[in-house]
Amino acid sequence: MQTANRTCFECSARNPTWNSMSYGCYLCLECSGEHRRKGVHISFVRSVELDRFSPEQMVQMALGGNAKAWNYFKTHGMGKTSDNGKPPEYNSKVAQRYKEQLEKDTKDYC
């Protein structure tokens, strides 16, 4: 597991046990609940420990990861690593483009 994936994408809690398939990032239990409340059309959340993953989903998580998502959102002025520390706006076109690109990269790889 990549070092950046050992902390929650949202709050930096250690050893996240959930992920957002939509963004390829790892989340703690509390933040996964926040993502679930946004709806599956925004963030599709799965348990690393309880759910099974298809080969395509495994590729999507390998191609994604917290570091990649942090860097992407940072370049668009969002996320905890951005200069203003503004959380990602998951309803934004920026977030939608990231999800679409991750899906495309996954399909191209598979």
PDB file of N, CA and C in Angstrom:
ATOM      1  N   MET A   1       0.843  -1.183   0.000  1.00  0.00           N
ATOM      2  CA  MET A   1       0.000   0.000   0.000  1.00  0.00           C
ATOM      3  C   MET A   1       0.887   1.245   0.000  1.00  0.00           C
ATOM      4  N   GLN A   2       0.536   2.216  -0.842  1.00  0.00           N
ATOM      5  CA  GLN A   2       1.272   3.468  -0.900  1.00  0.00           C
ATOM      6  C   GLN A   2       1.202   4.170   0.454  1.00  0.00           C
ATOM      7  N   THR A   3       2.274   4.852   0.819  1.00  0.00           N
ATOM      8  CA  THR A   3       2.347   5.524   2.114  1.00  0.00           C
ATOM      9  C   THR A   3       1.180   6.485   2.323  1.00  0.00           C
ATOM     10  N   ALA A   4       0.834   7.262   1.318  1.00  0.00           N
ATOM     11  CA  ALA A   4      -0.257   8.240   1.453  1.00  0.00           C
ATOM     12  C   ALA A   4      -1.597   7.571   1.730  1.00  0.00           C
ATOM     13  N   ASN A   5      -1.744   6.317   1.332  1.00  0.00           N
ATOM     14  CA  ASN A   5      -3.011   5.609   1.537  1.00  0.00           C
ATOM     15  C   ASN A   5      -3.152   5.068   2.953  1.00  0.00           C
ATOM     16  N   ARG A   6      -2.167   5.285   3.771  1.00  0.00           N
ATOM     17  CA  ARG A   6      -2.215   4.807   5.158  1.00  0.00           C
ATOM     18  C   ARG A   6      -2.880   5.804   6.096  1.00  0.00           C
ATOM     19  N   THR A   7      -3.321   6.922   5.535  1.00  0.00           N
ATOM     20  CA  THR A   7      -4.089   7.904   6.305  1.00  0.00           C
ATOM     21  C   THR A   7      -5.338   8.272   5.512  1.00  0.00           C
ATOM     22  N   CYS A   8      -6.344   8.738   6.213  1.00  0.00           N
ATOM     23  CA  CYS A   8      -7.600   9.129   5.581  1.00  0.00           C
ATOM     24  C   CYS A   8      -7.377  10.320   4.650  1.00  0.00           C
ATOM     25  N   PHE A   9      -7.944  10.245   3.472  1.00  0.00           N
ATOM     26  CA  PHE A   9      -7.846  11.322   2.482  1.00  0.00           C
ATOM     27  C   PHE A   9      -8.390  12.634   3.028  1.00  0.00           C
ATOM     28  N   GLU A  10      -9.428  12.569   3.829  1.00  0.00           N
ATOM     29  CA  GLU A  10     -10.100  13.774   4.320  1.00  0.00           C
ATOM     30  C   GLU A  10      -9.488  14.342   5.603  1.00  0.00           C
ATOM     31  N   CYS A  11      -9.239  13.486   6.601  1.00  0.00           N
ATOM     32  CA  CYS A  11      -8.877  14.001   7.934  1.00  0.00           C
ATOM     33  C   CYS A  11      -7.518  13.530   8.444  1.00  0.00           C
ATOM     34  N   SER A  12      -6.835  12.683   7.711  1.00  0.00           N
ATOM     35  CA  SER A  12      -5.513  12.149   8.071  1.00  0.00           C
ATOM     36  C   SER A  12      -5.524  11.139   9.210  1.00  0.00           C
ATOM     37  N   ALA A  13      -6.698  10.621   9.586  1.00  0.00           N
ATOM     38  CA  ALA A  13      -6.739   9.545  10.587  1.00  0.00           C
ATOM     39  C   ALA A  13      -5.939   8.366  10.040  1.00  0.00           C
ATOM     40  N   ARG A  14      -5.273   7.663  10.926  1.00  0.00           N
ATOM     41  CA  ARG A  14      -4.417   6.555  10.502  1.00  0.00           C
ATOM     42  C   ARG A  14      -5.225   5.302  10.198  1.00  0.00           C
ATOM     43  N   ASN A  15      -4.671   4.489   9.310  1.00  0.00           N
ATOM     44  CA  ASN A  15      -5.208   3.171   8.957  1.00  0.00           C
ATOM     45  C   ASN A  15      -6.665   3.203   8.493  1.00  0.00           C
ATOM     46  N   PRO A  16      -6.955   3.919   7.428  1.00  0.00           N
ATOM     47  CA  PRO A  16      -8.330   3.957   6.922  1.00  0.00           C
ATOM     48  C   PRO A  16      -8.779   2.582   6.443  1.00  0.00           C
ATOM     49  N   THR A  17     -10.028   2.265   6.677  1.00  0.00           N
ATOM     50  CA  THR A  17     -10.550   0.945   6.308  1.00  0.00           C
ATOM     51  C   THR A  17     -11.682   1.034   5.285  1.00  0.00           C
ATOM     52  N   TRP A  18     -11.848   2.190   4.690  1.00  0.00           N
ATOM     53  CA  TRP A  18     -12.871   2.397   3.670  1.00  0.00           C
ATOM     54  C   TRP A  18     -12.230   3.090   2.482  1.00  0.00           C
ATOM     55  N   ASN A  19     -12.901   3.013   1.339  1.00  0.00           N
ATOM     56  CA  ASN A  19     -12.409   3.778   0.207  1.00  0.00           C
ATOM     57  C   ASN A  19     -13.559   4.315  -0.621  1.00  0.00           C
ATOM     58  N   SER A  20     -13.250   5.354  -1.354  1.00  0.00           N
ATOM     59  CA  SER A  20     -14.180   5.892  -2.336  1.00  0.00           C
ATOM     60  C   SER A  20     -13.718   5.378  -3.689  1.00  0.00           C
ATOM     61  N   MET A  21     -14.498   4.488  -4.267  1.00  0.00           N
ATOM     62  CA  MET A  21     -14.166   3.972  -5.589  1.00  0.00           C
ATOM     63  C   MET A  21     -14.175   5.115  -6.603  1.00  0.00           C
ATOM     64  N   SER A  22     -15.041   6.061  -6.412  1.00  0.00           N
ATOM     65  CA  SER A  22     -15.184   7.176  -7.350  1.00  0.00           C
ATOM     66  C   SER A  22     -13.909   7.990  -7.491  1.00  0.00           C
ATOM     67  N   TYR A  23     -13.207   8.179  -6.373  1.00  0.00           N
ATOM     68  CA  TYR A  23     -12.010   9.019  -6.371  1.00  0.00           C
ATOM     69  C   TYR A  23     -10.733   8.224  -6.133  1.00  0.00           C
ATOM     70  N   GLY A  24     -10.860   6.925  -5.909  1.00  0.00           N
ATOM     71  CA  GLY A  24      -9.687   6.089  -5.692  1.00  0.00           C
ATOM     72  C   GLY A  24      -8.923   6.459  -4.438  1.00  0.00           C
ATOM     73  N   CYS A  25      -9.626   6.965  -3.420  1.00  0.00           N
ATOM     74  CA  CYS A  25      -8.946   7.394  -2.198  1.00  0.00           C
ATOM     75  C   CYS A  25      -9.436   6.597  -0.992  1.00  0.00           C
ATOM     76  N   TYR A  26      -8.620   6.589   0.048  1.00  0.00           N
ATOM     77  CA  TYR A  26      -8.889   5.826   1.267  1.00  0.00           C
ATOM     78  C   TYR A  26      -9.430   6.747   2.353  1.00  0.00           C
ATOM     79  N   LEU A  27     -10.419   6.235   3.107  1.00  0.00           N
ATOM     80  CA  LEU A  27     -11.146   7.030   4.090  1.00  0.00           C
ATOM     81  C   LEU A  27     -11.276   6.300   5.419  1.00  0.00           C
ATOM     82  N   CYS A  28     -11.359   7.065   6.507  1.00  0.00           N
ATOM     83  CA  CYS A  28     -11.671   6.485   7.810  1.00  0.00           C
ATOM     84  C   CYS A  28     -13.184   6.247   7.879  1.00  0.00           C
ATOM     85  N   LEU A  29     -13.637   5.587   8.917  1.00  0.00           N
ATOM     86  CA  LEU A  29     -15.060   5.282   9.073  1.00  0.00           C
ATOM     87  C   LEU A  29     -15.912   6.551   9.073  1.00  0.00           C
ATOM     88  N   GLU A  30     -15.500   7.543   9.847  1.00  0.00           N
ATOM     89  CA  GLU A  30     -16.286   8.774   9.953  1.00  0.00           C
ATOM     90  C   GLU A  30     -16.392   9.493   8.603  1.00  0.00           C
ATOM     91  N   CYS A  31     -15.283   9.642   7.926  1.00  0.00           N
ATOM     92  CA  CYS A  31     -15.299  10.340   6.635  1.00  0.00           C
ATOM     93  C   CYS A  31     -16.006   9.520   5.559  1.00  0.00           C
ATOM     94  N   SER A  32     -15.948   8.187   5.676  1.00  0.00           N
ATOM     95  CA  SER A  32     -16.685   7.360   4.714  1.00  0.00           C
ATOM     96  C   SER A  32     -18.188   7.609   4.867  1.00  0.00           C
ATOM     97  N   GLY A  33     -18.632   7.842   6.101  1.00  0.00           N
ATOM     98  CA  GLY A  33     -20.034   8.174   6.333  1.00  0.00           C
ATOM     99  C   GLY A  33     -20.422   9.486   5.664  1.00  0.00           C
ATOM    100  N   GLU A  34     -19.518  10.462   5.719  1.00  0.00           N
ATOM    101  CA  GLU A  34     -19.773  11.742   5.043  1.00  0.00           C
ATOM    102  C   GLU A  34     -19.884  11.529   3.534  1.00  0.00           C
ATOM    103  N   HIS A  35     -19.020  10.700   2.990  1.00  0.00           N
ATOM    104  CA  HIS A  35     -19.068  10.417   1.553  1.00  0.00           C
ATOM    105  C   HIS A  35     -20.354   9.676   1.198  1.00  0.00           C
ATOM    106  N   ARG A  36     -20.762   8.743   2.035  1.00  0.00           N
ATOM    107  CA  ARG A  36     -22.011   8.010   1.776  1.00  0.00           C
ATOM    108  C   ARG A  36     -23.208   8.962   1.746  1.00  0.00           C
ATOM    109  N   ARG A  37     -23.197   9.940   2.645  1.00  0.00           N
ATOM    110  CA  ARG A  37     -24.308  10.896   2.703  1.00  0.00           C
ATOM    111  C   ARG A  37     -24.402  11.751   1.432  1.00  0.00           C
ATOM    112  N   LYS A  38     -23.317  11.884   0.720  1.00  0.00           N
ATOM    113  CA  LYS A  38     -23.330  12.657  -0.527  1.00  0.00           C
ATOM    114  C   LYS A  38     -24.089  11.915  -1.623  1.00  0.00           C
ATOM    115  N   GLY A  39     -24.192  10.592  -1.479  1.00  0.00           N
ATOM    116  CA  GLY A  39     -24.884   9.770  -2.466  1.00  0.00           C
ATOM    117  C   GLY A  39     -23.906   9.037  -3.370  1.00  0.00           C
ATOM    118  N   VAL A  40     -24.328   7.879  -3.854  1.00  0.00           N
ATOM    119  CA  VAL A  40     -23.435   7.050  -4.675  1.00  0.00           C
ATOM    120  C   VAL A  40     -23.129   7.699  -6.022  1.00  0.00           C
ATOM    121  N   HIS A  41     -23.954   8.644  -6.460  1.00  0.00           N
ATOM    122  CA  HIS A  41     -23.661   9.349  -7.709  1.00  0.00           C
ATOM    123  C   HIS A  41     -22.490  10.317  -7.541  1.00  0.00           C
ATOM    124  N   ILE A  42     -22.162  10.654  -6.297  1.00  0.00           N
ATOM    125  CA  ILE A  42     -21.018  11.515  -6.002  1.00  0.00           C
ATOM    126  C   ILE A  42     -19.821  10.678  -5.570  1.00  0.00           C
ATOM    127  N   SER A  43     -20.007   9.786  -4.596  1.00  0.00           N
ATOM    128  CA  SER A  43     -18.901   8.975  -4.078  1.00  0.00           C
ATOM    129  C   SER A  43     -19.413   7.586  -3.701  1.00  0.00           C
ATOM    130  N   PHE A  44     -18.921   6.583  -4.405  1.00  0.00           N
ATOM    131  CA  PHE A  44     -19.298   5.193  -4.136  1.00  0.00           C
ATOM    132  C   PHE A  44     -18.286   4.614  -3.156  1.00  0.00           C
ATOM    133  N   VAL A  45     -18.739   4.324  -1.925  1.00  0.00           N
ATOM    134  CA  VAL A  45     -17.858   3.929  -0.822  1.00  0.00           C
ATOM    135  C   VAL A  45     -17.953   2.431  -0.562  1.00  0.00           C
ATOM    136  N   ARG A  46     -16.792   1.823  -0.304  1.00  0.00           N
ATOM    137  CA  ARG A  46     -16.731   0.388   0.010  1.00  0.00           C
ATOM    138  C   ARG A  46     -15.777   0.161   1.180  1.00  0.00           C
ATOM    139  N   SER A  47     -16.009  -0.926   1.897  1.00  0.00           N
ATOM    140  CA  SER A  47     -15.142  -1.314   3.006  1.00  0.00           C
ATOM    141  C   SER A  47     -13.967  -2.132   2.480  1.00  0.00           C
ATOM    142  N   VAL A  48     -12.779  -1.748   2.882  1.00  0.00           N
ATOM    143  CA  VAL A  48     -11.573  -2.485   2.495  1.00  0.00           C
ATOM    144  C   VAL A  48     -11.590  -3.875   3.116  1.00  0.00           C
ATOM    145  N   GLU A  49     -12.178  -3.991   4.307  1.00  0.00           N
ATOM    146  CA  GLU A  49     -12.150  -5.252   5.044  1.00  0.00           C
ATOM    147  C   GLU A  49     -13.373  -6.139   4.805  1.00  0.00           C
ATOM    148  N   LEU A  50     -14.521  -5.559   4.503  1.00  0.00           N
ATOM    149  CA  LEU A  50     -15.762  -6.330   4.431  1.00  0.00           C
ATOM    150  C   LEU A  50     -16.247  -6.620   3.016  1.00  0.00           C
ATOM    151  N   ASP A  51     -15.902  -5.778   2.074  1.00  0.00           N
ATOM    152  CA  ASP A  51     -16.394  -5.938   0.706  1.00  0.00           C
ATOM    153  C   ASP A  51     -15.392  -6.680  -0.168  1.00  0.00           C
ATOM    154  N   ARG A  52     -15.914  -7.264  -1.238  1.00  0.00           N
ATOM    155  CA  ARG A  52     -15.065  -7.892  -2.254  1.00  0.00           C
ATOM    156  C   ARG A  52     -14.928  -6.918  -3.414  1.00  0.00           C
ATOM    157  N   PHE A  53     -13.774  -6.979  -4.051  1.00  0.00           N
ATOM    158  CA  PHE A  53     -13.488  -6.071  -5.150  1.00  0.00           C
ATOM    159  C   PHE A  53     -13.260  -6.852  -6.432  1.00  0.00           C
ATOM    160  N   SER A  54     -13.838  -6.359  -7.506  1.00  0.00           N
ATOM    161  CA  SER A  54     -13.610  -6.970  -8.812  1.00  0.00           C
ATOM    162  C   SER A  54     -12.193  -6.612  -9.270  1.00  0.00           C
ATOM    163  N   PRO A  55     -11.660  -7.336 -10.241  1.00  0.00           N
ATOM    164  CA  PRO A  55     -10.337  -6.973 -10.763  1.00  0.00           C
ATOM    165  C   PRO A  55     -10.294  -5.518 -11.254  1.00  0.00           C
ATOM    166  N   GLU A  56     -11.357  -5.056 -11.892  1.00  0.00           N
ATOM    167  CA  GLU A  56     -11.397  -3.673 -12.373  1.00  0.00           C
ATOM    168  C   GLU A  56     -11.351  -2.674 -11.213  1.00  0.00           C
ATOM    169  N   GLN A  57     -12.048  -2.997 -10.124  1.00  0.00           N
ATOM    170  CA  GLN A  57     -12.026  -2.110  -8.959  1.00  0.00           C
ATOM    171  C   GLN A  57     -10.645  -2.078  -8.317  1.00  0.00           C
ATOM    172  N   MET A  58      -9.970  -3.214  -8.314  1.00  0.00           N
ATOM    173  CA  MET A  58      -8.604  -3.252  -7.774  1.00  0.00           C
ATOM    174  C   MET A  58      -7.678  -2.374  -8.620  1.00  0.00           C
ATOM    175  N   VAL A  59      -7.834  -2.450  -9.928  1.00  0.00           N
ATOM    176  CA  VAL A  59      -7.036  -1.606 -10.825  1.00  0.00           C
ATOM    177  C   VAL A  59      -7.352  -0.135 -10.570  1.00  0.00           C
ATOM    178  N   GLN A  60      -8.637   0.187 -10.420  1.00  0.00           N
ATOM    179  CA  GLN A  60      -9.028   1.578 -10.187  1.00  0.00           C
ATOM    180  C   GLN A  60      -8.384   2.127  -8.919  1.00  0.00           C
ATOM    181  N   MET A  61      -8.356   1.339  -7.854  1.00  0.00           N
ATOM    182  CA  MET A  61      -7.726   1.808  -6.617  1.00  0.00           C
ATOM    183  C   MET A  61      -6.213   1.923  -6.783  1.00  0.00           C
ATOM    184  N   ALA A  62      -5.619   1.007  -7.547  1.00  0.00           N
ATOM    185  CA  ALA A  62      -4.169   1.075  -7.781  1.00  0.00           C
ATOM    186  C   ALA A  62      -3.809   2.297  -8.630  1.00  0.00           C
ATOM    187  N   LEU A  63      -4.640   2.624  -9.602  1.00  0.00           N
ATOM    188  CA  LEU A  63      -4.377   3.785 -10.455  1.00  0.00           C
ATOM    189  C   LEU A  63      -4.698   5.097  -9.753  1.00  0.00           C
ATOM    190  N   GLY A  64      -5.560   5.030  -8.748  1.00  0.00           N
ATOM    191  CA  GLY A  64      -5.924   6.223  -7.991  1.00  0.00           C
ATOM    192  C   GLY A  64      -4.979   6.406  -6.815  1.00  0.00           C
ATOM    193  N   GLY A  65      -5.541   6.462  -5.638  1.00  0.00           N
ATOM    194  CA  GLY A  65      -4.743   6.638  -4.423  1.00  0.00           C
ATOM    195  C   GLY A  65      -4.833   8.061  -3.894  1.00  0.00           C
ATOM    196  N   ASN A  66      -4.558   8.187  -2.611  1.00  0.00           N
ATOM    197  CA  ASN A  66      -4.666   9.485  -1.951  1.00  0.00           C
ATOM    198  C   ASN A  66      -3.719  10.521  -2.536  1.00  0.00           C
ATOM    199  N   ALA A  67      -2.471  10.141  -2.787  1.00  0.00           N
ATOM    200  CA  ALA A  67      -1.488  11.112  -3.276  1.00  0.00           C
ATOM    201  C   ALA A  67      -1.924  11.698  -4.614  1.00  0.00           C
ATOM    202  N   LYS A  68      -2.398  10.860  -5.508  1.00  0.00           N
ATOM    203  CA  LYS A  68      -2.840  11.338  -6.822  1.00  0.00           C
ATOM    204  C   LYS A  68      -4.027  12.288  -6.678  1.00  0.00           C
ATOM    205  N   ALA A  69      -4.994  11.909  -5.838  1.00  0.00           N
ATOM    206  CA  ALA A  69      -6.166  12.769  -5.630  1.00  0.00           C
ATOM    207  C   ALA A  69      -5.766  14.080  -4.955  1.00  0.00           C
ATOM    208  N   TRP A  70      -4.898  14.006  -3.931  1.00  0.00           N
ATOM    209  CA  TRP A  70      -4.441  15.238  -3.267  1.00  0.00           C
ATOM    210  C   TRP A  70      -3.799  16.175  -4.275  1.00  0.00           C
ATOM    211  N   ASN A  71      -2.899  15.650  -5.103  1.00  0.00           N
ATOM    212  CA  ASN A  71      -2.203  16.485  -6.081  1.00  0.00           C
ATOM    213  C   ASN A  71      -3.171  17.112  -7.072  1.00  0.00           C
ATOM    214  N   TYR A  72      -4.122  16.331  -7.539  1.00  0.00           N
ATOM    215  CA  TYR A  72      -5.103  16.853  -8.494  1.00  0.00           C
ATOM    216  C   TYR A  72      -5.908  17.987  -7.867  1.00  0.00           C
ATOM    217  N   PHE A  73      -6.482  17.725  -6.696  1.00  0.00           N
ATOM    218  CA  PHE A  73      -7.319  18.750  -6.076  1.00  0.00           C
ATOM    219  C   PHE A  73      -6.498  19.969  -5.660  1.00  0.00           C
ATOM    220  N   LYS A  74      -5.261  19.751  -5.256  1.00  0.00           N
ATOM    221  CA  LYS A  74      -4.397  20.873  -4.873  1.00  0.00           C
ATOM    222  C   LYS A  74      -4.186  21.818  -6.052  1.00  0.00           C
ATOM    223  N   THR A  75      -3.975  21.258  -7.235  1.00  0.00           N
ATOM    224  CA  THR A  75      -3.769  22.113  -8.410  1.00  0.00           C
ATOM    225  C   THR A  75      -5.017  22.929  -8.749  1.00  0.00           C
ATOM    226  N   HIS A  76      -6.153  22.518  -8.207  1.00  0.00           N
ATOM    227  CA  HIS A  76      -7.400  23.247  -8.430  1.00  0.00           C
ATOM    228  C   HIS A  76      -7.849  24.001  -7.171  1.00  0.00           C
ATOM    229  N   GLY A  77      -6.927  24.216  -6.232  1.00  0.00           N
ATOM    230  CA  GLY A  77      -7.209  25.016  -5.040  1.00  0.00           C
ATOM    231  C   GLY A  77      -8.110  24.366  -4.022  1.00  0.00           C
ATOM    232  N   MET A  78      -8.160  23.027  -4.036  1.00  0.00           N
ATOM    233  CA  MET A  78      -9.008  22.305  -3.086  1.00  0.00           C
ATOM    234  C   MET A  78      -8.193  21.250  -2.354  1.00  0.00           C
ATOM    235  N   GLY A  79      -8.706  20.810  -1.214  1.00  0.00           N
ATOM    236  CA  GLY A  79      -8.078  19.732  -0.463  1.00  0.00           C
ATOM    237  C   GLY A  79      -7.186  20.243   0.641  1.00  0.00           C
ATOM    238  N   LYS A  80      -6.916  19.366   1.582  1.00  0.00           N
ATOM    239  CA  LYS A  80      -6.154  19.775   2.766  1.00  0.00           C
ATOM    240  C   LYS A  80      -4.728  20.170   2.433  1.00  0.00           C
ATOM    241  N   THR A  81      -4.207  19.746   1.278  1.00  0.00           N
ATOM    242  CA  THR A  81      -2.842  20.115   0.920  1.00  0.00           C
ATOM    243  C   THR A  81      -2.797  21.382   0.071  1.00  0.00           C
ATOM    244  N   SER A  82      -3.946  21.988  -0.213  1.00  0.00           N
ATOM    245  CA  SER A  82      -3.958  23.231  -0.987  1.00  0.00           C
ATOM    246  C   SER A  82      -3.575  24.392  -0.077  1.00  0.00           C
ATOM    247  N   ASP A  83      -3.258  25.514  -0.689  1.00  0.00           N
ATOM    248  CA  ASP A  83      -2.836  26.678   0.087  1.00  0.00           C
ATOM    249  C   ASP A  83      -3.912  27.161   1.049  1.00  0.00           C
ATOM    250  N   ASN A  84      -5.177  27.069   0.655  1.00  0.00           N
ATOM    251  CA  ASN A  84      -6.241  27.562   1.530  1.00  0.00           C
ATOM    252  C   ASN A  84      -6.902  26.464   2.356  1.00  0.00           C
ATOM    253  N   GLY A  85      -6.514  25.209   2.148  1.00  0.00           N
ATOM    254  CA  GLY A  85      -7.052  24.103   2.931  1.00  0.00           C
ATOM    255  C   GLY A  85      -8.535  23.853   2.722  1.00  0.00           C
ATOM    256  N   LYS A  86      -9.076  24.387   1.639  1.00  0.00           N
ATOM    257  CA  LYS A  86     -10.499  24.226   1.332  1.00  0.00           C
ATOM    258  C   LYS A  86     -10.777  22.778   0.944  1.00  0.00           C
ATOM    259  N   PRO A  87     -11.803  22.153   1.522  1.00  0.00           N
ATOM    260  CA  PRO A  87     -12.081  20.754   1.168  1.00  0.00           C
ATOM    261  C   PRO A  87     -12.503  20.628  -0.292  1.00  0.00           C
ATOM    262  N   PRO A  88     -12.256  19.463  -0.886  1.00  0.00           N
ATOM    263  CA  PRO A  88     -12.706  19.265  -2.267  1.00  0.00           C
ATOM    264  C   PRO A  88     -14.217  19.449  -2.375  1.00  0.00           C
ATOM    265  N   GLU A  89     -14.641  20.072  -3.443  1.00  0.00           N
ATOM    266  CA  GLU A  89     -16.065  20.243  -3.721  1.00  0.00           C
ATOM    267  C   GLU A  89     -16.469  19.109  -4.650  1.00  0.00           C
ATOM    268  N   TYR A  90     -17.036  18.064  -4.076  1.00  0.00           N
ATOM    269  CA  TYR A  90     -17.308  16.853  -4.833  1.00  0.00           C
ATOM    270  C   TYR A  90     -18.429  17.015  -5.850  1.00  0.00           C
ATOM    271  N   ASN A  91     -19.209  18.088  -5.755  1.00  0.00           N
ATOM    272  CA  ASN A  91     -20.250  18.365  -6.748  1.00  0.00           C
ATOM    273  C   ASN A  91     -19.727  19.207  -7.906  1.00  0.00           C
ATOM    274  N   SER A  92     -18.456  19.576  -7.857  1.00  0.00           N
ATOM    275  CA  SER A  92     -17.897  20.483  -8.858  1.00  0.00           C
ATOM    276  C   SER A  92     -17.520  19.764 -10.154  1.00  0.00           C
ATOM    277  N   LYS A  93     -17.349  20.556 -11.200  1.00  0.00           N
ATOM    278  CA  LYS A  93     -16.893  20.013 -12.481  1.00  0.00           C
ATOM    279  C   LYS A  93     -15.472  19.478 -12.356  1.00  0.00           C
ATOM    280  N   VAL A  94     -14.675  20.099 -11.507  1.00  0.00           N
ATOM    281  CA  VAL A  94     -13.300  19.644 -11.272  1.00  0.00           C
ATOM    282  C   VAL A  94     -13.316  18.214 -10.744  1.00  0.00           C
ATOM    283  N   ALA A  95     -14.146  17.953  -9.747  1.00  0.00           N
ATOM    284  CA  ALA A  95     -14.244  16.606  -9.172  1.00  0.00           C
ATOM    285  C   ALA A  95     -14.806  15.625 -10.192  1.00  0.00           C
ATOM    286  N   GLN A  96     -15.786  16.058 -10.954  1.00  0.00           N
ATOM    287  CA  GLN A  96     -16.372  15.197 -11.982  1.00  0.00           C
ATOM    288  C   GLN A  96     -15.320  14.792 -13.016  1.00  0.00           C
ATOM    289  N   ARG A  97     -14.482  15.739 -13.424  1.00  0.00           N
ATOM    290  CA  ARG A  97     -13.419  15.426 -14.393  1.00  0.00           C
ATOM    291  C   ARG A  97     -12.441  14.411 -13.824  1.00  0.00           C
ATOM    292  N   TYR A  98     -12.124  14.543 -12.532  1.00  0.00           N
ATOM    293  CA  TYR A  98     -11.200  13.589 -11.914  1.00  0.00           C
ATOM    294  C   TYR A  98     -11.800  12.184 -11.927  1.00  0.00           C
ATOM    295  N   LYS A  99     -13.061  12.070 -11.527  1.00  0.00           N
ATOM    296  CA  LYS A  99     -13.737  10.762 -11.534  1.00  0.00           C
ATOM    297  C   LYS A  99     -13.751  10.170 -12.938  1.00  0.00           C
ATOM    298  N   GLU A 100     -14.098  10.977 -13.914  1.00  0.00           N
ATOM    299  CA  GLU A 100     -14.169  10.491 -15.294  1.00  0.00           C
ATOM    300  C   GLU A 100     -12.805  10.043 -15.807  1.00  0.00           C
ATOM    301  N   GLN A 101     -11.757  10.801 -15.463  1.00  0.00           N
ATOM    302  CA  GLN A 101     -10.416  10.427 -15.912  1.00  0.00           C
ATOM    303  C   GLN A 101      -9.961   9.128 -15.255  1.00  0.00           C
ATOM    304  N   LEU A 102     -10.261   8.957 -13.973  1.00  0.00           N
ATOM    305  CA  LEU A 102      -9.899   7.722 -13.281  1.00  0.00           C
ATOM    306  C   LEU A 102     -10.638   6.533 -13.893  1.00  0.00           C
ATOM    307  N   GLU A 103     -11.904   6.711 -14.205  1.00  0.00           N
ATOM    308  CA  GLU A 103     -12.671   5.642 -14.860  1.00  0.00           C
ATOM    309  C   GLU A 103     -12.091   5.311 -16.236  1.00  0.00           C
ATOM    310  N   LYS A 104     -11.728   6.340 -16.998  1.00  0.00           N
ATOM    311  CA  LYS A 104     -11.145   6.131 -18.327  1.00  0.00           C
ATOM    312  C   LYS A 104      -9.809   5.403 -18.220  1.00  0.00           C
ATOM    313  N   ASP A 105      -8.958   5.849 -17.297  1.00  0.00           N
ATOM    314  CA  ASP A 105      -7.656   5.199 -17.105  1.00  0.00           C
ATOM    315  C   ASP A 105      -7.833   3.729 -16.744  1.00  0.00           C
ATOM    316  N   THR A 106      -8.827   3.444 -15.912  1.00  0.00           N
ATOM    317  CA  THR A 106      -9.102   2.061 -15.510  1.00  0.00           C
ATOM    318  C   THR A 106      -9.540   1.233 -16.711  1.00  0.00           C
ATOM    319  N   LYS A 107     -10.463   1.753 -17.494  1.00  0.00           N
ATOM    320  CA  LYS A 107     -10.934   1.024 -18.684  1.00  0.00           C
ATOM    321  C   LYS A 107      -9.806   0.806 -19.681  1.00  0.00           C
ATOM    322  N   ASP A 108      -8.965   1.825 -19.864  1.00  0.00           N
ATOM    323  CA  ASP A 108      -7.832   1.696 -20.788  1.00  0.00           C
ATOM    324  C   ASP A 108      -6.860   0.621 -20.319  1.00  0.00           C
ATOM    325  N   TYR A 109      -6.657   0.539 -19.013  1.00  0.00           N
ATOM    326  CA  TYR A 109      -5.729  -0.445 -18.452  1.00  0.00           C
ATOM    327  C   TYR A 109      -6.289  -1.861 -18.569  1.00  0.00           C
ATOM    328  N   CYS A 110      -7.588  -1.984 -18.307  1.00  0.00           N
ATOM    329  CA  CYS A 110      -8.217  -3.311 -18.332  1.00  0.00           C
ATOM    330  C   CYS A 110      -8.508  -3.736 -19.750  1.00  0.00           C
TER     331      CYS A 110
END
